[in-house]
All heavy atoms as atom14 arrays in JSON, in Angstrom:
{
  "sequence": "LINHEFNEVMYDNRFPIFRLPKPEPDSILATF",
  "atom14_mask": [
    [1, 1, 1, 1, 1, 1, 1, 1, 0, 0, 0, 0, 0, 0],
    [1, 1, 1, 1, 1, 1, 1, 1, 0, 0, 0, 0, 0, 0],
    [1, 1, 1, 1, 1, 1, 1, 1, 0, 0, 0, 0, 0, 0],
    [1, 1, 1, 1, 1, 1, 1, 1, 1, 1, 0, 0, 0, 0],
    [1, 1, 1, 1, 1, 1, 1, 1, 1, 0, 0, 0, 0, 0],
    [1, 1, 1, 1, 1, 1, 1, 1, 1, 1, 1, 0, 0, 0],
    [1, 1, 1, 1, 1, 1, 1, 1, 0, 0, 0, 0, 0, 0],
    [1, 1, 1, 1, 1, 1, 1, 1, 1, 0, 0, 0, 0, 0],
    [1, 1, 1, 1, 1, 1, 1, 0, 0, 0, 0, 0, 0, 0],
    [1, 1, 1, 1, 1, 1, 1, 1, 0, 0, 0, 0, 0, 0],
    [1, 1, 1, 1, 1, 1, 1, 1, 1, 1, 1, 1, 0, 0],
    [1, 1, 1, 1, 1, 1, 1, 1, 0, 0, 0, 0, 0, 0],
    [1, 1, 1, 1, 1, 1, 1, 1, 0, 0, 0, 0, 0, 0],
    [1, 1, 1, 1, 1, 1, 1, 1, 1, 1, 1, 0, 0, 0],
    [1, 1, 1, 1, 1, 1, 1, 1, 1, 1, 1, 0, 0, 0],
    [1, 1, 1, 1, 1, 1, 1, 0, 0, 0, 0, 0, 0, 0],
    [1, 1, 1, 1, 1, 1, 1, 1, 0, 0, 0, 0, 0, 0],
    [1, 1, 1, 1, 1, 1, 1, 1, 1, 1, 1, 0, 0, 0],
    [1, 1, 1, 1, 1, 1, 1, 1, 1, 1, 1, 0, 0, 0],
    [1, 1, 1, 1, 1, 1, 1, 1, 0, 0, 0, 0, 0, 0],
    [1, 1, 1, 1, 1, 1, 1, 0, 0, 0, 0, 0, 0, 0],
    [1, 1, 1, 1, 1, 1, 1, 1, 1, 0, 0, 0, 0, 0],
    [1, 1, 1, 1, 1, 1, 1, 0, 0, 0, 0, 0, 0, 0],
    [1, 1, 1, 1, 1, 1, 1, 1, 1, 0, 0, 0, 0, 0],
    [1, 1, 1, 1, 1, 1, 1, 0, 0, 0, 0, 0, 0, 0],
    [1, 1, 1, 1, 1, 1, 1, 1, 0, 0, 0, 0, 0, 0],
    [1, 1, 1, 1, 1, 1, 0, 0, 0, 0, 0, 0, 0, 0],
    [1, 1, 1, 1, 1, 1, 1, 1, 0, 0, 0, 0, 0, 0],
    [1, 1, 1, 1, 1, 1, 1, 1, 0, 0, 0, 0, 0, 0],
    [1, 1, 1, 1, 1, 0, 0, 0, 0, 0, 0, 0, 0, 0],
    [1, 1, 1, 1, 1, 1, 1, 0, 0, 0, 0, 0, 0, 0],
    [1, 1, 1, 1, 1, 1, 1, 1, 1, 1, 1, 0, 0, 0]
  ],
  "atom14_positions": [
    [[72.63, -45.45, -19.31], [71.72, -46.51, -19.74], [71.01, -46.1, -21.02], [70.85, -46.89, -21.95], [70.7, -46.8, -18.64], [69.76, -47.98, -18.88], [70.55, -49.28, -18.91], [68.69, -48.04, -17.81], [0.0, 0.0, 0.0], [0.0, 0.0, 0.0], [0.0, 0.0, 0.0], [0.0, 0.0, 0.0], [0.0, 0.0, 0.0], [0.0, 0.0, 0.0]],
    [[70.59, -44.82, -21.07], [69.94, -44.32, -22.28], [70.9, -44.42, -23.47], [70.54, -44.86, -24.55], [69.5, -42.86, -22.09], [68.43, -42.76, -21.0], [68.96, -42.27, -23.4], [68.03, -41.35, -20.67], [0.0, 0.0, 0.0], [0.0, 0.0, 0.0], [0.0, 0.0, 0.0], [0.0, 0.0, 0.0], [0.0, 0.0, 0.0], [0.0, 0.0, 0.0]],
    [[72.15, -44.04, -23.24], [73.12, -43.97, -24.33], [73.53, -45.35, -24.83], [73.78, -45.53, -26.03], [74.36, -43.2, -23.88], [74.05, -41.75, -23.59], [73.11, -41.19, -24.14], [74.83, -41.14, -22.71], [0.0, 0.0, 0.0], [0.0, 0.0, 0.0], [0.0, 0.0, 0.0], [0.0, 0.0, 0.0], [0.0, 0.0, 0.0], [0.0, 0.0, 0.0]],
    [[73.63, -46.35, -23.92], [74.21, -47.64, -24.3], [73.18, -48.74, -24.53], [73.41, -49.62, -25.34], [75.2, -48.08, -23.23], [76.36, -47.15, -23.08], [77.27, -46.94, -24.08], [76.74, -46.35, -22.05], [78.19, -46.06, -23.68], [77.88, -45.68, -22.46], [0.0, 0.0, 0.0], [0.0, 0.0, 0.0], [0.0, 0.0, 0.0], [0.0, 0.0, 0.0]],
    [[72.08, -48.71, -23.8], [71.12, -49.8, -23.94], [70.16, -49.57, -25.1], [69.56, -50.5, -25.6], [70.3, -49.94, -22.65], [71.12, -50.42, -21.47], [71.66, -51.82, -21.66], [71.04, -52.61, -22.38], [72.73, -52.12, -21.1], [0.0, 0.0, 0.0], [0.0, 0.0, 0.0], [0.0, 0.0, 0.0], [0.0, 0.0, 0.0], [0.0, 0.0, 0.0]],
    [[70.0, -48.32, -25.54], [69.02, -48.03, -26.57], [69.69, -47.31, -27.74], [69.65, -46.1, -27.85], [67.89, -47.17, -26.0], [67.3, -47.76, -24.75], [67.6, -47.22, -23.51], [66.47, -48.86, -24.81], [67.08, -47.78, -22.36], [65.95, -49.41, -23.66], [66.25, -48.87, -22.44], [0.0, 0.0, 0.0], [0.0, 0.0, 0.0], [0.0, 0.0, 0.0]],
    [[70.35, -48.08, -28.58], [71.05, -47.49, -29.71], [70.1, -47.11, -30.83], [70.35, -46.17, -31.58], [72.1, -48.47, -30.25], [73.2, -48.73, -29.22], [73.61, -47.82, -28.53], [73.65, -49.96, -29.12], [0.0, 0.0, 0.0], [0.0, 0.0, 0.0], [0.0, 0.0, 0.0], [0.0, 0.0, 0.0], [0.0, 0.0, 0.0], [0.0, 0.0, 0.0]],
    [[68.99, -47.85, -30.94], [68.01, -47.53, -31.97], [66.89, -46.74, -31.31], [66.15, -47.24, -30.48], [67.44, -48.82, -32.58], [68.49, -49.65, -33.32], [67.87, -50.87, -33.95], [66.65, -50.98, -33.92], [68.63, -51.69, -34.47], [0.0, 0.0, 0.0], [0.0, 0.0, 0.0], [0.0, 0.0, 0.0], [0.0, 0.0, 0.0], [0.0, 0.0, 0.0]],
    [[66.77, -45.49, -31.68], [65.79, -44.62, -31.04], [64.95, -43.93, -32.11], [65.48, -43.41, -33.08], [66.49, -43.55, -30.17], [65.46, -42.65, -29.52], [67.34, -44.22, -29.11], [0.0, 0.0, 0.0], [0.0, 0.0, 0.0], [0.0, 0.0, 0.0], [0.0, 0.0, 0.0], [0.0, 0.0, 0.0], [0.0, 0.0, 0.0], [0.0, 0.0, 0.0]],
    [[63.62, -43.95, -31.92], [62.72, -43.22, -32.8], [62.23, -42.0, -32.04], [62.25, -41.96, -30.83], [61.53, -44.1, -33.18], [61.91, -45.4, -33.87], [60.46, -46.4, -34.21], [59.9, -46.81, -32.57], [0.0, 0.0, 0.0], [0.0, 0.0, 0.0], [0.0, 0.0, 0.0], [0.0, 0.0, 0.0], [0.0, 0.0, 0.0], [0.0, 0.0, 0.0]],
    [[61.77, -40.98, -32.76], [61.31, -39.76, -32.11], [59.94, -39.36, -32.64], [59.64, -39.52, -33.82], [62.29, -38.6, -32.36], [63.59, -38.75, -31.63], [64.65, -39.46, -32.19], [63.76, -38.2, -30.37], [65.85, -39.61, -31.51], [64.96, -38.34, -29.68], [65.99, -39.04, -30.26], [67.18, -39.18, -29.58], [0.0, 0.0, 0.0], [0.0, 0.0, 0.0]],
    [[59.1, -38.83, -31.73], [57.9, -38.15, -32.18], [58.21, -36.66, -32.17], [59.36, -36.26, -32.21], [56.69, -38.51, -31.3], [56.84, -38.06, -29.86], [57.81, -37.33, -29.57], [55.99, -38.43, -29.04], [0.0, 0.0, 0.0], [0.0, 0.0, 0.0], [0.0, 0.0, 0.0], [0.0, 0.0, 0.0], [0.0, 0.0, 0.0], [0.0, 0.0, 0.0]],
    [[57.21, -35.82, -32.06], [57.45, -34.37, -32.13], [58.23, -33.84, -30.94], [58.89, -32.83, -31.03], [56.11, -33.63, -32.24], [55.43, -33.91, -33.57], [56.11, -34.19, -34.54], [54.11, -33.86, -33.59], [0.0, 0.0, 0.0], [0.0, 0.0, 0.0], [0.0, 0.0, 0.0], [0.0, 0.0, 0.0], [0.0, 0.0, 0.0], [0.0, 0.0, 0.0]],
    [[58.14, -34.51, -29.79], [58.75, -33.94, -28.58], [59.67, -34.91, -27.87], [60.74, -34.55, -27.41], [57.65, -33.5, -27.59], [56.8, -32.36, -28.07], [55.74, -32.06, -27.02], [54.88, -33.22, -26.79], [54.07, -33.35, -25.75], [54.02, -32.41, -24.84], [53.33, -34.43, -25.6], [0.0, 0.0, 0.0], [0.0, 0.0, 0.0], [0.0, 0.0, 0.0]],
    [[59.26, -36.19, -27.76], [59.98, -37.09, -26.86], [60.52, -38.3, -27.62], [59.96, -38.74, -28.61], [59.04, -37.58, -25.75], [58.5, -36.48, -24.9], [57.14, -36.21, -24.86], [59.36, -35.7, -24.16], [56.65, -35.19, -24.07], [58.88, -34.68, -23.36], [57.52, -34.42, -23.32], [0.0, 0.0, 0.0], [0.0, 0.0, 0.0], [0.0, 0.0, 0.0]],
    [[61.6, -38.9, -27.11], [62.11, -40.14, -27.69], [61.25, -41.32, -27.33], [60.68, -41.38, -26.24], [63.51, -40.27, -27.06], [63.4, -39.54, -25.77], [62.43, -38.42, -26.0], [0.0, 0.0, 0.0], [0.0, 0.0, 0.0], [0.0, 0.0, 0.0], [0.0, 0.0, 0.0], [0.0, 0.0, 0.0], [0.0, 0.0, 0.0], [0.0, 0.0, 0.0]],
    [[61.11, -42.25, -28.25], [60.38, -43.5, -27.98], [61.39, -44.63, -28.07], [61.94, -44.91, -29.14], [59.24, -43.72, -29.0], [58.29, -42.51, -29.01], [58.49, -44.99, -28.69], [57.24, -42.58, -30.08], [0.0, 0.0, 0.0], [0.0, 0.0, 0.0], [0.0, 0.0, 0.0], [0.0, 0.0, 0.0], [0.0, 0.0, 0.0], [0.0, 0.0, 0.0]],
    [[61.65, -45.31, -26.98], [62.68, -46.33, -26.95], [62.11, -47.69, -27.33], [61.01, -48.04, -26.92], [63.29, -46.42, -25.54], [63.92, -45.15, -25.08], [63.28, -44.34, -24.15], [65.13, -44.74, -25.59], [63.85, -43.17, -23.72], [65.72, -43.55, -25.17], [65.07, -42.77, -24.24], [0.0, 0.0, 0.0], [0.0, 0.0, 0.0], [0.0, 0.0, 0.0]],
    [[62.86, -48.44, -28.08], [62.49, -49.83, -28.37], [62.94, -50.67, -27.18], [64.13, -50.79, -26.91], [63.17, -50.3, -29.65], [62.65, -49.58, -30.89], [63.38, -50.04, -32.14], [62.86, -49.37, -33.32], [63.36, -49.52, -34.53], [64.4, -50.31, -34.71], [62.84, -48.87, -35.55], [0.0, 0.0, 0.0], [0.0, 0.0, 0.0], [0.0, 0.0, 0.0]],
    [[62.0, -51.25, -26.49], [62.31, -51.94, -25.25], [62.93, -53.3, -25.52], [62.46, -54.05, -26.38], [61.03, -52.11, -24.42], [60.26, -50.83, -24.15], [59.03, -51.14, -23.31], [61.13, -49.81, -23.46], [0.0, 0.0, 0.0], [0.0, 0.0, 0.0], [0.0, 0.0, 0.0], [0.0, 0.0, 0.0], [0.0, 0.0, 0.0], [0.0, 0.0, 0.0]],
    [[64.0, -53.65, -24.79], [64.62, -54.96, -24.98], [63.72, -56.06, -24.42], [63.03, -55.86, -23.43], [65.91, -54.86, -24.17], [65.61, -53.83, -23.13], [64.66, -52.85, -23.76], [0.0, 0.0, 0.0], [0.0, 0.0, 0.0], [0.0, 0.0, 0.0], [0.0, 0.0, 0.0], [0.0, 0.0, 0.0], [0.0, 0.0, 0.0], [0.0, 0.0, 0.0]],
    [[63.75, -57.22, -25.04], [62.96, -58.34, -24.55], [63.67, -58.98, -23.36], [64.85, -59.32, -23.44], [62.8, -59.39, -25.66], [61.91, -60.55, -25.24], [61.73, -61.52, -26.39], [60.84, -62.69, -25.98], [60.65, -63.65, -27.09], [0.0, 0.0, 0.0], [0.0, 0.0, 0.0], [0.0, 0.0, 0.0], [0.0, 0.0, 0.0], [0.0, 0.0, 0.0]],
    [[62.98, -59.1, -22.21], [63.64, -59.65, -21.03], [64.0, -61.12, -21.2], [63.28, -61.89, -21.82], [62.59, -59.47, -19.92], [61.3, -59.44, -20.65], [61.57, -58.78, -21.97], [0.0, 0.0, 0.0], [0.0, 0.0, 0.0], [0.0, 0.0, 0.0], [0.0, 0.0, 0.0], [0.0, 0.0, 0.0], [0.0, 0.0, 0.0], [0.0, 0.0, 0.0]],
    [[65.15, -61.51, -20.65], [65.57, -62.9, -20.68], [65.11, -63.57, -19.39], [64.97, -62.91, -18.36], [67.1, -62.97, -20.81], [67.61, -62.32, -22.07], [69.12, -62.29, -22.11], [69.75, -62.82, -21.16], [69.68, -61.75, -23.07], [0.0, 0.0, 0.0], [0.0, 0.0, 0.0], [0.0, 0.0, 0.0], [0.0, 0.0, 0.0], [0.0, 0.0, 0.0]],
    [[64.9, -64.88, -19.39], [64.42, -65.56, -18.2], [65.49, -65.68, -17.12], [66.68, -65.5, -17.37], [64.03, -66.95, -18.72], [64.87, -67.14, -19.95], [65.0, -65.78, -20.55], [0.0, 0.0, 0.0], [0.0, 0.0, 0.0], [0.0, 0.0, 0.0], [0.0, 0.0, 0.0], [0.0, 0.0, 0.0], [0.0, 0.0, 0.0], [0.0, 0.0, 0.0]],
    [[65.05, -65.97, -15.93], [65.89, -66.34, -14.78], [66.55, -65.18, -14.03], [66.36, -65.04, -12.83], [66.97, -67.36, -15.18], [66.36, -68.68, -15.61], [65.31, -69.04, -15.06], [66.92, -69.31, -16.5], [0.0, 0.0, 0.0], [0.0, 0.0, 0.0], [0.0, 0.0, 0.0], [0.0, 0.0, 0.0], [0.0, 0.0, 0.0], [0.0, 0.0, 0.0]],
    [[67.37, -64.35, -14.69], [68.15, -63.37, -13.93], [67.36, -62.1, -13.64], [66.53, -61.67, -14.44], [69.44, -63.01, -14.67], [69.16, -62.12, -15.73], [0.0, 0.0, 0.0], [0.0, 0.0, 0.0], [0.0, 0.0, 0.0], [0.0, 0.0, 0.0], [0.0, 0.0, 0.0], [0.0, 0.0, 0.0], [0.0, 0.0, 0.0], [0.0, 0.0, 0.0]],
    [[67.67, -61.5, -12.48], [66.98, -60.26, -12.12], [67.46, -59.09, -12.96], [66.71, -58.14, -13.18], [67.13, -59.95, -10.61], [68.59, -59.72, -10.24], [66.5, -61.03, -9.77], [68.8, -59.19, -8.83], [0.0, 0.0, 0.0], [0.0, 0.0, 0.0], [0.0, 0.0, 0.0], [0.0, 0.0, 0.0], [0.0, 0.0, 0.0], [0.0, 0.0, 0.0]],
    [[68.71, -59.14, -13.46], [69.24, -58.03, -14.24], [68.41, -57.78, -15.48], [68.09, -56.62, -15.8], [70.7, -58.3, -14.63], [71.31, -57.28, -15.61], [71.28, -55.88, -15.02], [72.73, -57.68, -15.98], [0.0, 0.0, 0.0], [0.0, 0.0, 0.0], [0.0, 0.0, 0.0], [0.0, 0.0, 0.0], [0.0, 0.0, 0.0], [0.0, 0.0, 0.0]],
    [[68.04, -58.84, -16.2], [67.29, -58.68, -17.44], [65.97, -57.97, -17.18], [65.57, -57.07, -17.92], [67.05, -60.04, -18.09], [0.0, 0.0, 0.0], [0.0, 0.0, 0.0], [0.0, 0.0, 0.0], [0.0, 0.0, 0.0], [0.0, 0.0, 0.0], [0.0, 0.0, 0.0], [0.0, 0.0, 0.0], [0.0, 0.0, 0.0], [0.0, 0.0, 0.0]],
    [[65.28, -58.37, -16.11], [63.99, -57.76, -15.81], [64.17, -56.34, -15.27], [63.36, -55.46, -15.54], [63.2, -58.62, -14.81], [63.12, -59.96, -15.3], [61.78, -58.09, -14.64], [0.0, 0.0, 0.0], [0.0, 0.0, 0.0], [0.0, 0.0, 0.0], [0.0, 0.0, 0.0], [0.0, 0.0, 0.0], [0.0, 0.0, 0.0], [0.0, 0.0, 0.0]],
    [[65.22, -56.12, -14.51], [65.52, -54.75, -14.07], [65.72, -53.84, -15.28], [65.17, -52.74, -15.35], [66.78, -54.73, -13.19], [66.51, -54.65, -11.72], [66.61, -55.77, -10.91], [66.12, -53.45, -11.12], [66.36, -55.71, -9.54], [65.88, -53.37, -9.76], [66.0, -54.5, -8.97], [0.0, 0.0, 0.0], [0.0, 0.0, 0.0], [0.0, 0.0, 0.0]]
  ]
}
């Protein structure tokens, strides 16, 4: 999930900061 869902990744000094995808309405998968 890390490798495929978050292709654009920024980093601080220690940890990755992921750009969170915007959830789509209706389906549970998007919110999961």
